[in-house]
Amino acid sequence: MDRPPRGPGFICARPEGNFTPLVPFDEFPPNISIRGVSRILTPAQTQGMTSCGMARARTEPWAFEGASTLAPPAKMI
């Protein structure tokens, strides 16, 4: 059985030239949520999205730092 990589397996390239890792939301701890985003999507919910392909889920949990249940700070204008 192949072991998934220890780090993220996919990236997103930004127009400014930066690269950012993509971490599957269903691998986040259950106490972490993103308002308006489901952990698992239906085929209809994927319309307009770009697939990164098929990947096995990690067997080891991610270690999160600085995450809390508090609301994020308001945006500064």
Protein backbone atom coordinates (compact mmCIF):
# COMPACT_ATOMS: atom_id res chain seq x y z
CA MET A 1 0.00 0.00 0.00
CA ASP A 2 1.38 3.41 -0.95
CA ARG A 3 1.75 5.95 1.85
CA PRO A 4 0.52 9.47 1.13
CA PRO A 5 3.14 12.22 1.25
CA ARG A 6 3.80 13.84 4.62
CA GLY A 7 3.23 17.31 3.22
CA PRO A 8 0.62 18.76 0.87
CA GLY A 9 0.37 17.01 -2.48
CA PHE A 10 -1.02 19.91 -4.52
CA ILE A 11 -0.30 23.59 -5.04
CA CYS A 12 -2.04 26.59 -6.52
CA ALA A 13 -0.09 29.16 -8.55
CA ARG A 14 -1.12 32.78 -7.96
CA PRO A 15 -0.96 35.45 -10.70
CA GLU A 16 1.69 37.34 -8.69
CA GLY A 17 4.03 34.33 -9.02
CA ASN A 18 3.48 32.89 -5.53
CA PHE A 19 2.70 29.23 -4.92
CA THR A 20 0.46 28.10 -2.07
CA PRO A 21 -0.18 24.54 -0.85
CA LEU A 22 -3.69 23.11 -1.09
CA VAL A 23 -4.81 21.16 1.98
CA PRO A 24 -8.02 19.08 1.63
CA PHE A 25 -10.69 20.46 3.94
CA ASP A 26 -11.93 16.99 4.91
CA GLU A 27 -8.50 16.45 6.55
CA PHE A 28 -8.96 19.40 8.94
CA PRO A 29 -9.85 18.64 12.57
CA PRO A 30 -13.64 18.48 13.14
CA ASN A 31 -13.54 21.62 15.34
CA ILE A 32 -12.22 23.75 12.44
CA SER A 33 -14.82 25.11 10.03
CA ILE A 34 -14.92 27.62 7.20
CA ARG A 35 -18.19 29.51 7.00
CA GLY A 36 -20.11 28.54 3.86
CA VAL A 37 -17.73 25.71 2.86
CA SER A 38 -18.67 22.02 3.10
CA ARG A 39 -16.09 19.35 3.94
CA ILE A 40 -17.56 17.04 1.31
CA LEU A 41 -19.07 18.35 -1.94
CA THR A 42 -21.76 16.92 -4.19
CA PRO A 43 -21.01 16.77 -7.92
CA ALA A 44 -23.34 19.76 -8.42
CA GLN A 45 -21.36 21.82 -5.88
CA THR A 46 -18.16 21.30 -7.89
CA GLN A 47 -19.48 23.20 -10.91
CA GLY A 48 -17.05 25.97 -11.84
CA MET A 49 -14.21 24.46 -9.78
CA THR A 50 -10.96 22.99 -11.11
CA SER A 51 -10.10 19.46 -9.98
CA CYS A 52 -6.56 18.68 -8.83
CA GLY A 53 -7.17 15.00 -9.53
CA MET A 54 -7.55 11.98 -7.28
CA ALA A 55 -5.59 11.67 -4.03
CA ARG A 56 -5.74 9.39 -1.03
CA ALA A 57 -6.52 11.00 2.32
CA ARG A 58 -3.68 11.30 4.82
CA THR A 59 -3.47 8.66 7.52
CA GLU A 60 -1.76 11.07 9.94
CA PRO A 61 -3.63 14.17 11.14
CA TRP A 62 -2.30 17.63 10.31
CA ALA A 63 -0.85 19.58 13.24
CA PHE A 64 -2.55 22.98 13.43
CA GLU A 65 -1.08 25.99 15.20
CA GLY A 66 -2.92 29.10 16.33
CA ALA A 67 -6.38 27.76 15.49
CA SER A 68 -9.14 28.64 17.92
CA THR A 69 -12.90 28.70 18.04
CA LEU A 70 -12.92 32.49 18.22
CA ALA A 71 -14.23 34.53 15.31
CA PRO A 72 -11.50 36.02 13.10
CA PRO A 73 -10.68 39.70 13.70
CA ALA A 74 -12.63 42.27 11.71
CA LYS A 75 -10.94 43.54 8.56
CA MET A 76 -9.07 46.78 8.95
CA ILE A 77 -10.01 49.47 6.44
